[in-house]
PDB file of N, CA and C in Angstrom:
ATOM      1  N   MET A   1      56.771  57.113  16.846  1.00  0.00           N
ATOM      2  CA  MET A   1      56.339  55.560  17.044  1.00  0.00           C
ATOM      3  C   MET A   1      57.279  54.810  16.336  1.00  0.00           C
ATOM      4  N   ASN A   2      58.148  53.860  17.008  1.00  0.00           N
ATOM      5  CA  ASN A   2      58.993  52.864  16.135  1.00  0.00           C
ATOM      6  C   ASN A   2      58.466  51.323  15.991  1.00  0.00           C
ATOM      7  N   ASP A   3      58.919  50.676  15.166  1.00  0.00           N
ATOM      8  CA  ASP A   3      58.453  49.462  14.830  1.00  0.00           C
ATOM      9  C   ASP A   3      58.666  48.441  15.985  1.00  0.00           C
ATOM     10  N   ALA A   4      59.778  48.559  16.555  1.00  0.00           N
ATOM     11  CA  ALA A   4      59.970  47.618  17.549  1.00  0.00           C
ATOM     12  C   ALA A   4      58.858  47.784  18.976  1.00  0.00           C
ATOM     13  N   ALA A   5      58.451  48.789  19.329  1.00  0.00           N
ATOM     14  CA  ALA A   5      57.182  48.859  20.304  1.00  0.00           C
ATOM     15  C   ALA A   5      56.006  48.172  19.468  1.00  0.00           C
ATOM     16  N   LEU A   6      55.716  48.238  18.379  1.00  0.00           N
ATOM     17  CA  LEU A   6      54.570  47.608  18.020  1.00  0.00           C
ATOM     18  C   LEU A   6      54.868  46.171  17.810  1.00  0.00           C
ATOM     19  N   GLN A   7      56.271  45.852  17.430  1.00  0.00           N
ATOM     20  CA  GLN A   7      56.527  44.386  17.357  1.00  0.00           C
ATOM     21  C   GLN A   7      56.329  43.688  18.663  1.00  0.00           C
ATOM     22  N   GLN A   8      57.084  44.217  19.740  1.00  0.00           N
ATOM     23  CA  GLN A   8      56.904  43.923  21.297  1.00  0.00           C
ATOM     24  C   GLN A   8      55.423  43.492  21.484  1.00  0.00           C
ATOM     25  N   LEU A   9      54.662  44.636  21.199  1.00  0.00           N
ATOM     26  CA  LEU A   9      53.028  44.530  21.578  1.00  0.00           C
ATOM     27  C   LEU A   9      52.587  43.303  20.823  1.00  0.00           C
ATOM     28  N   GLY A  10      52.899  43.113  19.544  1.00  0.00           N
ATOM     29  CA  GLY A  10      52.381  41.983  18.640  1.00  0.00           C
ATOM     30  C   GLY A  10      52.573  40.607  19.365  1.00  0.00           C
ATOM     31  N   ASP A  11      54.122  40.688  19.630  1.00  0.00           N
ATOM     32  CA  ASP A  11      54.654  39.409  20.283  1.00  0.00           C
ATOM     33  C   ASP A  11      54.059  38.911  21.525  1.00  0.00           C
ATOM     34  N   ALA A  12      53.716  40.025  22.444  1.00  0.00           N
ATOM     35  CA  ALA A  12      53.089  39.836  23.776  1.00  0.00           C
ATOM     36  C   ALA A  12      51.526  39.616  23.500  1.00  0.00           C
ATOM     37  N   GLN A  13      50.994  39.728  22.387  1.00  0.00           N
ATOM     38  CA  GLN A  13      49.618  39.461  22.186  1.00  0.00           C
ATOM     39  C   GLN A  13      49.722  37.954  21.860  1.00  0.00           C
ATOM     40  N   ALA A  14      50.430  37.762  21.004  1.00  0.00           N
ATOM     41  CA  ALA A  14      50.540  36.293  20.601  1.00  0.00           C
ATOM     42  C   ALA A  14      51.009  35.302  21.780  1.00  0.00           C
ATOM     43  N   ALA A  15      51.776  35.613  22.595  1.00  0.00           N
ATOM     44  CA  ALA A  15      51.826  34.975  23.722  1.00  0.00           C
ATOM     45  C   ALA A  15      50.750  34.734  24.631  1.00  0.00           C
ATOM     46  N   LEU A  16      49.970  35.881  24.594  1.00  0.00           N
ATOM     47  CA  LEU A  16      48.738  35.710  25.489  1.00  0.00           C
ATOM     48  C   LEU A  16      47.650  34.937  24.738  1.00  0.00           C
ATOM     49  N   MET A  17      47.632  34.998  23.600  1.00  0.00           N
ATOM     50  CA  MET A  17      46.559  33.919  22.913  1.00  0.00           C
ATOM     51  C   MET A  17      47.178  32.636  22.965  1.00  0.00           C
ATOM     52  N   ALA A  18      48.449  32.377  22.852  1.00  0.00           N
ATOM     53  CA  ALA A  18      48.726  30.923  23.171  1.00  0.00           C
ATOM     54  C   ALA A  18      48.646  30.626  24.702  1.00  0.00           C
ATOM     55  N   ALA A  19      48.700  31.342  25.525  1.00  0.00           N
ATOM     56  CA  ALA A  19      48.426  31.030  26.948  1.00  0.00           C
ATOM     57  C   ALA A  19      47.073  30.845  27.242  1.00  0.00           C
ATOM     58  N   LEU A  20      46.061  31.573  26.632  1.00  0.00           N
ATOM     59  CA  LEU A  20      44.786  31.429  26.634  1.00  0.00           C
ATOM     60  C   LEU A  20      44.265  30.014  26.141  1.00  0.00           C
ATOM     61  N   ASN A  21      44.840  29.724  24.868  1.00  0.00           N
ATOM     62  CA  ASN A  21      44.468  28.392  24.243  1.00  0.00           C
ATOM     63  C   ASN A  21      44.884  27.312  24.987  1.00  0.00           C
ATOM     64  N   ALA A  22      46.055  27.476  25.968  1.00  0.00           N
ATOM     65  CA  ALA A  22      46.788  26.451  26.516  1.00  0.00           C
ATOM     66  C   ALA A  22      45.890  26.271  27.937  1.00  0.00           C
ATOM     67  N   ARG A  23      45.166  27.288  28.352  1.00  0.00           N
ATOM     68  CA  ARG A  23      44.335  27.521  29.610  1.00  0.00           C
ATOM     69  C   ARG A  23      45.421  27.310  30.907  1.00  0.00           C
ATOM     70  N   ASP A  24      46.718  27.894  30.680  1.00  0.00           N
ATOM     71  CA  ASP A  24      47.449  28.066  31.690  1.00  0.00           C
ATOM     72  C   ASP A  24      47.603  29.206  32.579  1.00  0.00           C
ATOM     73  N   ILE A  25      47.090  29.116  33.589  1.00  0.00           N
ATOM     74  CA  ILE A  25      46.828  30.531  34.475  1.00  0.00           C
ATOM     75  C   ILE A  25      48.109  31.162  34.667  1.00  0.00           C
ATOM     76  N   GLY A  26      49.217  30.610  35.094  1.00  0.00           N
ATOM     77  CA  GLY A  26      50.571  31.173  35.287  1.00  0.00           C
ATOM     78  C   GLY A  26      50.815  31.870  34.026  1.00  0.00           C
ATOM     79  N   ALA A  27      50.826  30.999  32.786  1.00  0.00           N
ATOM     80  CA  ALA A  27      51.222  31.625  31.608  1.00  0.00           C
ATOM     81  C   ALA A  27      50.278  32.847  31.115  1.00  0.00           C
ATOM     82  N   ILE A  28      49.024  32.711  31.466  1.00  0.00           N
ATOM     83  CA  ILE A  28      48.120  33.986  31.211  1.00  0.00           C
ATOM     84  C   ILE A  28      48.367  35.222  31.973  1.00  0.00           C
ATOM     85  N   GLU A  29      48.644  34.971  33.296  1.00  0.00           N
ATOM     86  CA  GLU A  29      49.122  36.191  34.013  1.00  0.00           C
ATOM     87  C   GLU A  29      50.302  36.699  33.451  1.00  0.00           C
ATOM     88  N   THR A  30      51.382  36.116  33.193  1.00  0.00           N
ATOM     89  CA  THR A  30      52.500  36.643  32.664  1.00  0.00           C
ATOM     90  C   THR A  30      52.455  37.396  31.418  1.00  0.00           C
ATOM     91  N   ALA A  31      51.609  36.494  30.504  1.00  0.00           N
ATOM     92  CA  ALA A  31      51.519  37.302  29.029  1.00  0.00           C
ATOM     93  C   ALA A  31      50.622  38.594  29.406  1.00  0.00           C
ATOM     94  N   ASN A  32      49.698  38.530  30.357  1.00  0.00           N
ATOM     95  CA  ASN A  32      49.029  39.763  30.423  1.00  0.00           C
ATOM     96  C   ASN A  32      49.659  40.943  30.906  1.00  0.00           C
ATOM     97  N   ALA A  33      50.647  40.579  31.770  1.00  0.00           N
ATOM     98  CA  ALA A  33      51.436  41.652  32.203  1.00  0.00           C
ATOM     99  C   ALA A  33      52.379  42.133  31.131  1.00  0.00           C
ATOM    100  N   ALA A  34      52.747  41.278  30.371  1.00  0.00           N
ATOM    101  CA  ALA A  34      53.783  41.585  29.091  1.00  0.00           C
ATOM    102  C   ALA A  34      52.875  42.526  28.093  1.00  0.00           C
ATOM    103  N   VAL A  35      51.825  42.273  28.038  1.00  0.00           N
ATOM    104  CA  VAL A  35      50.770  43.029  27.140  1.00  0.00           C
ATOM    105  C   VAL A  35      50.486  44.460  27.559  1.00  0.00           C
ATOM    106  N   ALA A  36      50.201  44.521  28.911  1.00  0.00           N
ATOM    107  CA  ALA A  36      50.281  45.635  29.566  1.00  0.00           C
ATOM    108  C   ALA A  36      51.468  46.676  29.531  1.00  0.00           C
ATOM    109  N   THR A  37      52.603  46.179  29.716  1.00  0.00           N
ATOM    110  CA  THR A  37      54.022  46.713  29.432  1.00  0.00           C
ATOM    111  C   THR A  37      54.207  47.223  28.335  1.00  0.00           C
ATOM    112  N   ALA A  38      53.937  46.153  27.137  1.00  0.00           N
ATOM    113  CA  ALA A  38      53.941  46.623  25.833  1.00  0.00           C
ATOM    114  C   ALA A  38      53.037  47.816  25.283  1.00  0.00           C
ATOM    115  N   VAL A  39      51.800  47.787  25.782  1.00  0.00           N
ATOM    116  CA  VAL A  39      50.645  48.960  25.596  1.00  0.00           C
ATOM    117  C   VAL A  39      51.367  50.168  26.062  1.00  0.00           C
ATOM    118  N   GLU A  40      52.175  50.166  27.428  1.00  0.00           N
ATOM    119  CA  GLU A  40      52.644  51.469  27.920  1.00  0.00           C
ATOM    120  C   GLU A  40      53.718  51.716  27.020  1.00  0.00           C
ATOM    121  N   ASP A  41      54.801  51.047  26.428  1.00  0.00           N
ATOM    122  CA  ASP A  41      55.656  51.184  25.774  1.00  0.00           C
ATOM    123  C   ASP A  41      55.300  51.924  24.610  1.00  0.00           C
ATOM    124  N   VAL A  42      54.132  51.510  23.787  1.00  0.00           N
ATOM    125  CA  VAL A  42      53.618  51.925  22.718  1.00  0.00           C
ATOM    126  C   VAL A  42      53.135  53.385  22.833  1.00  0.00           C
ATOM    127  N   ARG A  43      52.515  53.562  24.102  1.00  0.00           N
ATOM    128  CA  ARG A  43      51.825  54.725  24.457  1.00  0.00           C
ATOM    129  C   ARG A  43      52.935  55.932  24.588  1.00  0.00           C
ATOM    130  N   LYS A  44      54.084  55.507  25.094  1.00  0.00           N
ATOM    131  CA  LYS A  44      55.316  56.319  25.663  1.00  0.00           C
ATOM    132  C   LYS A  44      55.797  56.860  24.372  1.00  0.00           C
ATOM    133  N   VAL A  45      56.012  56.113  23.282  1.00  0.00           N
ATOM    134  CA  VAL A  45      56.463  56.439  22.085  1.00  0.00           C
ATOM    135  C   VAL A  45      55.588  57.214  21.360  1.00  0.00           C
ATOM    136  N   GLY A  46      54.347  56.993  21.344  1.00  0.00           N
ATOM    137  CA  GLY A  46      53.257  57.883  20.570  1.00  0.00           C
ATOM    138  C   GLY A  46      53.466  58.420  19.094  1.00  0.00           C
ATOM    139  N   GLY A  47      52.819  59.191  18.647  1.00  0.00           N
ATOM    140  CA  GLY A  47      53.055  59.821  17.094  1.00  0.00           C
ATOM    141  C   GLY A  47      52.726  58.687  16.179  1.00  0.00           C
ATOM    142  N   TRP A  48      51.859  57.777  16.135  1.00  0.00           N
ATOM    143  CA  TRP A  48      51.895  56.867  14.995  1.00  0.00           C
ATOM    144  C   TRP A  48      51.495  57.583  13.793  1.00  0.00           C
ATOM    145  N   ARG A  49      50.415  58.731  14.002  1.00  0.00           N
ATOM    146  CA  ARG A  49      50.002  59.414  12.783  1.00  0.00           C
ATOM    147  C   ARG A  49      51.155  59.999  12.001  1.00  0.00           C
ATOM    148  N   GLU A  50      52.495  60.510  12.687  1.00  0.00           N
ATOM    149  CA  GLU A  50      53.249  60.937  11.878  1.00  0.00           C
ATOM    150  C   GLU A  50      54.154  59.693  11.043  1.00  0.00           C
ATOM    151  N   HIS A  51      53.716  58.640  11.293  1.00  0.00           N
ATOM    152  CA  HIS A  51      54.524  57.403  10.697  1.00  0.00           C
ATOM    153  C   HIS A  51      53.460  56.779   9.649  1.00  0.00           C
ATOM    154  N   PRO A  52      53.194  56.978   8.607  1.00  0.00           N
ATOM    155  CA  PRO A  52      51.918  56.511   7.857  1.00  0.00           C
ATOM    156  C   PRO A  52      52.538  55.010   7.570  1.00  0.00           C
ATOM    157  N   GLY A  53      53.609  54.544   7.551  1.00  0.00           N
ATOM    158  CA  GLY A  53      54.132  53.313   7.238  1.00  0.00           C
ATOM    159  C   GLY A  53      53.866  52.228   8.387  1.00  0.00           C
ATOM    160  N   LEU A  54      53.664  52.848   9.337  1.00  0.00           N
ATOM    161  CA  LEU A  54      53.174  52.036  10.784  1.00  0.00           C
ATOM    162  C   LEU A  54      51.903  51.628  10.883  1.00  0.00           C
ATOM    163  N   ARG A  55      50.875  52.240   9.979  1.00  0.00           N
ATOM    164  CA  ARG A  55      49.538  52.301  10.074  1.00  0.00           C
ATOM    165  C   ARG A  55      49.069  50.758   9.844  1.00  0.00           C
ATOM    166  N   ASP A  56      49.485  50.088   8.929  1.00  0.00           N
ATOM    167  CA  ASP A  56      48.930  48.813   8.687  1.00  0.00           C
ATOM    168  C   ASP A  56      49.273  47.882   9.769  1.00  0.00           C
ATOM    169  N   GLU A  57      50.417  47.995  10.435  1.00  0.00           N
ATOM    170  CA  GLU A  57      51.081  47.322  11.381  1.00  0.00           C
ATOM    171  C   GLU A  57      50.236  47.600  12.816  1.00  0.00           C
ATOM    172  N   LEU A  58      49.916  48.844  13.102  1.00  0.00           N
ATOM    173  CA  LEU A  58      49.025  49.108  14.036  1.00  0.00           C
ATOM    174  C   LEU A  58      47.556  48.587  13.935  1.00  0.00           C
ATOM    175  N   ILE A  59      47.038  48.726  12.653  1.00  0.00           N
ATOM    176  CA  ILE A  59      45.878  48.343  12.438  1.00  0.00           C
ATOM    177  C   ILE A  59      45.765  46.519  12.645  1.00  0.00           C
ATOM    178  N   GLN A  60      46.822  45.958  12.395  1.00  0.00           N
ATOM    179  CA  GLN A  60      46.957  44.392  12.761  1.00  0.00           C
ATOM    180  C   GLN A  60      46.860  44.187  14.465  1.00  0.00           C
ATOM    181  N   VAL A  61      47.705  45.014  14.825  1.00  0.00           N
ATOM    182  CA  VAL A  61      47.873  45.005  16.514  1.00  0.00           C
ATOM    183  C   VAL A  61      46.433  45.071  17.245  1.00  0.00           C
ATOM    184  N   LEU A  62      45.801  46.130  16.580  1.00  0.00           N
ATOM    185  CA  LEU A  62      44.428  46.232  17.143  1.00  0.00           C
ATOM    186  C   LEU A  62      43.275  45.146  16.879  1.00  0.00           C
ATOM    187  N   LYS A  63      43.458  44.582  15.565  1.00  0.00           N
ATOM    188  CA  LYS A  63      42.668  43.385  15.248  1.00  0.00           C
ATOM    189  C   LYS A  63      43.273  42.281  16.261  1.00  0.00           C
ATOM    190  N   ASN A  64      44.383  41.926  16.564  1.00  0.00           N
ATOM    191  CA  ASN A  64      44.731  40.957  17.427  1.00  0.00           C
ATOM    192  C   ASN A  64      44.129  41.174  18.807  1.00  0.00           C
ATOM    193  N   ALA A  65      44.246  42.481  19.316  1.00  0.00           N
ATOM    194  CA  ALA A  65      43.478  42.791  20.583  1.00  0.00           C
ATOM    195  C   ALA A  65      42.012  42.571  20.577  1.00  0.00           C
ATOM    196  N   GLU A  66      41.579  42.686  19.462  1.00  0.00           N
ATOM    197  CA  GLU A  66      39.928  42.475  19.457  1.00  0.00           C
ATOM    198  C   GLU A  66      39.937  40.924  19.327  1.00  0.00           C
ATOM    199  N   ALA A  67      40.677  40.236  18.863  1.00  0.00           N
ATOM    200  CA  ALA A  67      40.309  38.765  18.737  1.00  0.00           C
ATOM    201  C   ALA A  67      40.641  38.120  20.164  1.00  0.00           C
ATOM    202  N   ALA A  68      41.748  38.624  20.853  1.00  0.00           N
ATOM    203  CA  ALA A  68      42.132  38.075  22.201  1.00  0.00           C
ATOM    204  C   ALA A  68      40.737  38.321  23.067  1.00  0.00           C
ATOM    205  N   ARG A  69      40.135  39.718  22.958  1.00  0.00           N
ATOM    206  CA  ARG A  69      38.847  40.188  23.821  1.00  0.00           C
ATOM    207  C   ARG A  69      37.912  39.010  23.543  1.00  0.00           C
ATOM    208  N   GLY A  70      37.676  38.765  22.325  1.00  0.00           N
ATOM    209  CA  GLY A  70      36.572  37.725  21.896  1.00  0.00           C
ATOM    210  C   GLY A  70      36.665  36.445  22.358  1.00  0.00           C
ATOM    211  N   HIS A  71      38.168  36.076  22.396  1.00  0.00           N
ATOM    212  CA  HIS A  71      38.504  34.681  23.084  1.00  0.00           C
ATOM    213  C   HIS A  71      38.408  34.590  24.378  1.00  0.00           C
ATOM    214  N   ILE A  72      38.828  35.762  25.098  1.00  0.00           N
ATOM    215  CA  ILE A  72      38.537  35.670  26.436  1.00  0.00           C
ATOM    216  C   ILE A  72      37.046  35.777  27.025  1.00  0.00           C
ATOM    217  N   ASN A  73      36.150  36.288  26.064  1.00  0.00           N
ATOM    218  CA  ASN A  73      34.732  36.306  26.495  1.00  0.00           C
ATOM    219  C   ASN A  73      34.069  34.832  26.133  1.00  0.00           C
ATOM    220  N   ARG A  74      34.786  34.310  25.110  1.00  0.00           N
ATOM    221  CA  ARG A  74      34.146  32.895  24.679  1.00  0.00           C
ATOM    222  C   ARG A  74      34.563  31.970  25.888  1.00  0.00           C
ATOM    223  N   LEU A  75      35.880  32.292  26.364  1.00  0.00           N
ATOM    224  CA  LEU A  75      36.148  31.150  27.644  1.00  0.00           C
ATOM    225  C   LEU A  75      35.494  31.674  28.955  1.00  0.00           C
ATOM    226  N   ALA A  76      35.085  32.839  29.099  1.00  0.00           N
ATOM    227  CA  ALA A  76      34.345  33.338  30.321  1.00  0.00           C
ATOM    228  C   ALA A  76      33.145  32.470  30.119  1.00  0.00           C
ATOM    229  N   ASP A  77      32.479  32.606  28.981  1.00  0.00           N
ATOM    230  CA  ASP A  77      31.066  32.209  28.827  1.00  0.00           C
ATOM    231  C   ASP A  77      31.145  30.669  28.906  1.00  0.00           C
ATOM    232  N   GLN A  78      32.122  30.043  28.578  1.00  0.00           N
ATOM    233  CA  GLN A  78      32.282  28.522  28.772  1.00  0.00           C
ATOM    234  C   GLN A  78      32.368  28.202  30.317  1.00  0.00           C
ATOM    235  N   ASN A  79      33.069  28.789  31.075  1.00  0.00           N
ATOM    236  CA  ASN A  79      33.101  28.948  32.396  1.00  0.00           C
ATOM    237  C   ASN A  79      31.910  28.971  33.087  1.00  0.00           C
ATOM    238  N   ARG A  80      31.208  30.089  32.707  1.00  0.00           N
ATOM    239  CA  ARG A  80      29.915  30.363  33.385  1.00  0.00           C
ATOM    240  C   ARG A  80      28.929  29.104  33.036  1.00  0.00           C
ATOM    241  N   ARG A  81      28.825  28.769  31.874  1.00  0.00           N
ATOM    242  CA  ARG A  81      28.037  27.636  31.558  1.00  0.00           C
ATOM    243  C   ARG A  81      28.273  26.126  32.284  1.00  0.00           C
ATOM    244  N   GLY A  82      29.602  26.217  32.548  1.00  0.00           N
ATOM    245  CA  GLY A  82      30.149  24.830  33.126  1.00  0.00           C
ATOM    246  C   GLY A  82      29.638  25.006  34.823  1.00  0.00           C
ATOM    247  N   LEU A  83      29.689  26.193  35.273  1.00  0.00           N
ATOM    248  CA  LEU A  83      29.187  26.448  36.651  1.00  0.00           C
ATOM    249  C   LEU A  83      27.774  26.346  36.854  1.00  0.00           C
ATOM    250  N   ASP A  84      27.187  26.689  35.788  1.00  0.00           N
ATOM    251  CA  ASP A  84      25.634  26.684  35.777  1.00  0.00           C
ATOM    252  C   ASP A  84      25.273  25.214  35.898  1.00  0.00           C
ATOM    253  N   LYS A  85      26.181  24.431  34.889  1.00  0.00           N
ATOM    254  CA  LYS A  85      25.587  22.973  34.950  1.00  0.00           C
ATOM    255  C   LYS A  85      26.042  22.304  36.274  1.00  0.00           C
ATOM    256  N   LEU A  86      27.149  22.653  36.904  1.00  0.00           N
ATOM    257  CA  LEU A  86      27.339  22.120  38.165  1.00  0.00           C
ATOM    258  C   LEU A  86      26.399  22.533  39.283  1.00  0.00           C
ATOM    259  N   ILE A  87      26.018  23.687  39.196  1.00  0.00           N
ATOM    260  CA  ILE A  87      24.955  24.123  40.213  1.00  0.00           C
ATOM    261  C   ILE A  87      23.626  23.403  40.003  1.00  0.00           C
ATOM    262  N   SER A  88      23.285  23.199  38.718  1.00  0.00           N
ATOM    263  CA  SER A  88      21.958  22.277  38.575  1.00  0.00           C
ATOM    264  C   SER A  88      22.323  20.901  38.926  1.00  0.00           C
ATOM    265  N   LEU A  89      23.361  20.401  38.662  1.00  0.00           N
ATOM    266  CA  LEU A  89      23.466  18.816  38.948  1.00  0.00           C
ATOM    267  C   LEU A  89      23.555  18.908  40.820  1.00  0.00           C
ATOM    268  N   ALA A  90      24.055  19.921  41.291  1.00  0.00           N
ATOM    269  CA  ALA A  90      24.044  19.699  42.842  1.00  0.00           C
ATOM    270  C   ALA A  90      22.520  19.911  43.264  1.00  0.00           C
ATOM    271  N   GLY A  91      21.705  20.865  42.575  1.00  0.00           N
ATOM    272  CA  GLY A  91      20.439  20.776  42.968  1.00  0.00           C
ATOM    273  C   GLY A  91      20.117  21.937  44.002  1.00  0.00           C
ATOM    274  N   THR A  92      21.285  22.776  44.152  1.00  0.00           N
ATOM    275  CA  THR A  92      21.166  23.959  44.791  1.00  0.00           C
ATOM    276  C   THR A  92      20.775  25.095  43.956  1.00  0.00           C
ATOM    277  N   PRO A  93      19.893  26.245  44.583  1.00  0.00           N
ATOM    278  CA  PRO A  93      19.741  27.172  43.746  1.00  0.00           C
ATOM    279  C   PRO A  93      21.014  28.121  43.495  1.00  0.00           C
ATOM    280  N   ARG A  94      21.242  28.965  42.391  1.00  0.00           N
ATOM    281  CA  ARG A  94      22.184  29.790  42.055  1.00  0.00           C
ATOM    282  C   ARG A  94      21.915  30.946  42.949  1.00  0.00           C
ATOM    283  N   ALA A  95      23.160  31.124  43.612  1.00  0.00           N
ATOM    284  CA  ALA A  95      23.283  32.444  44.354  1.00  0.00           C
ATOM    285  C   ALA A  95      23.026  34.018  43.412  1.00  0.00           C
ATOM    286  N   ALA A  96      22.478  34.960  44.130  1.00  0.00           N
ATOM    287  CA  ALA A  96      22.397  35.964  43.163  1.00  0.00           C
ATOM    288  C   ALA A  96      23.503  36.738  43.235  1.00  0.00           C
ATOM    289  N   ALA A  97      23.897  37.313  42.098  1.00  0.00           N
ATOM    290  CA  ALA A  97      25.167  38.065  41.653  1.00  0.00           C
ATOM    291  C   ALA A  97      24.817  39.354  40.840  1.00  0.00           C
ATOM    292  N   TYR A  98      25.584  40.087  40.876  1.00  0.00           N
ATOM    293  CA  TYR A  98      25.510  41.210  39.808  1.00  0.00           C
ATOM    294  C   TYR A  98      26.245  40.942  38.616  1.00  0.00           C
ATOM    295  N   GLY A  99      25.701  40.993  37.346  1.00  0.00           N
ATOM    296  CA  GLY A  99      26.077  40.859  36.227  1.00  0.00           C
ATOM    297  C   GLY A  99      26.697  41.703  35.500  1.00  0.00           C
ATOM    298  N   ARG A 100      27.165  41.779  34.052  1.00  0.00           N
ATOM    299  CA  ARG A 100      27.851  42.757  33.474  1.00  0.00           C
ATOM    300  C   ARG A 100      27.055  43.913  33.398  1.00  0.00           C
ATOM    301  N   SER A 101      25.676  43.930  33.321  1.00  0.00           N
ATOM    302  CA  SER A 101      24.955  45.170  33.123  1.00  0.00           C
ATOM    303  C   SER A 101      24.737  45.799  34.446  1.00  0.00           C
ATOM    304  N   GLY A 102      25.132  45.213  35.462  1.00  0.00           N
ATOM    305  CA  GLY A 102      25.221  46.014  36.799  1.00  0.00           C
ATOM    306  C   GLY A 102      23.895  45.888  37.557  1.00  0.00           C
ATOM    307  N   LYS A 103      23.185  44.921  36.869  1.00  0.00           N
ATOM    308  CA  LYS A 103      21.749  44.383  37.722  1.00  0.00           C
ATOM    309  C   LYS A 103      22.067  43.043  38.459  1.00  0.00           C
ATOM    310  N   LEU A 104      21.227  42.903  39.274  1.00  0.00           N
ATOM    311  CA  LEU A 104      21.360  41.810  40.151  1.00  0.00           C
ATOM    312  C   LEU A 104      20.627  40.637  39.375  1.00  0.00           C
ATOM    313  N   SER A 105      21.274  39.566  39.084  1.00  0.00           N
ATOM    314  CA  SER A 105      20.602  38.327  38.205  1.00  0.00           C
ATOM    315  C   SER A 105      20.363  37.126  38.987  1.00  0.00           C
TER     316      SER A 105
END
């Protein structure tokens, strides 16, 4: 694995976080595609275990990925709460839908 692949992934993750913070759908889609491409590039290079010097950088990339996941979950929860509030203000019952658990809610 080389440092350039990890740097590309780190840059793509930073762009995704910036797009999420800006709530710009187009930028989120572009950044998400860049992250997917960067992840594939890192997978193609492989062999991070043979390069202990990259370990710390890889750990930081994984922490950034976890932070992005948490940020996305928070934004999704805010959207769900907003929709619930709008539904309650409209006075119509919420339609049944499948939740994350796979159960009908």
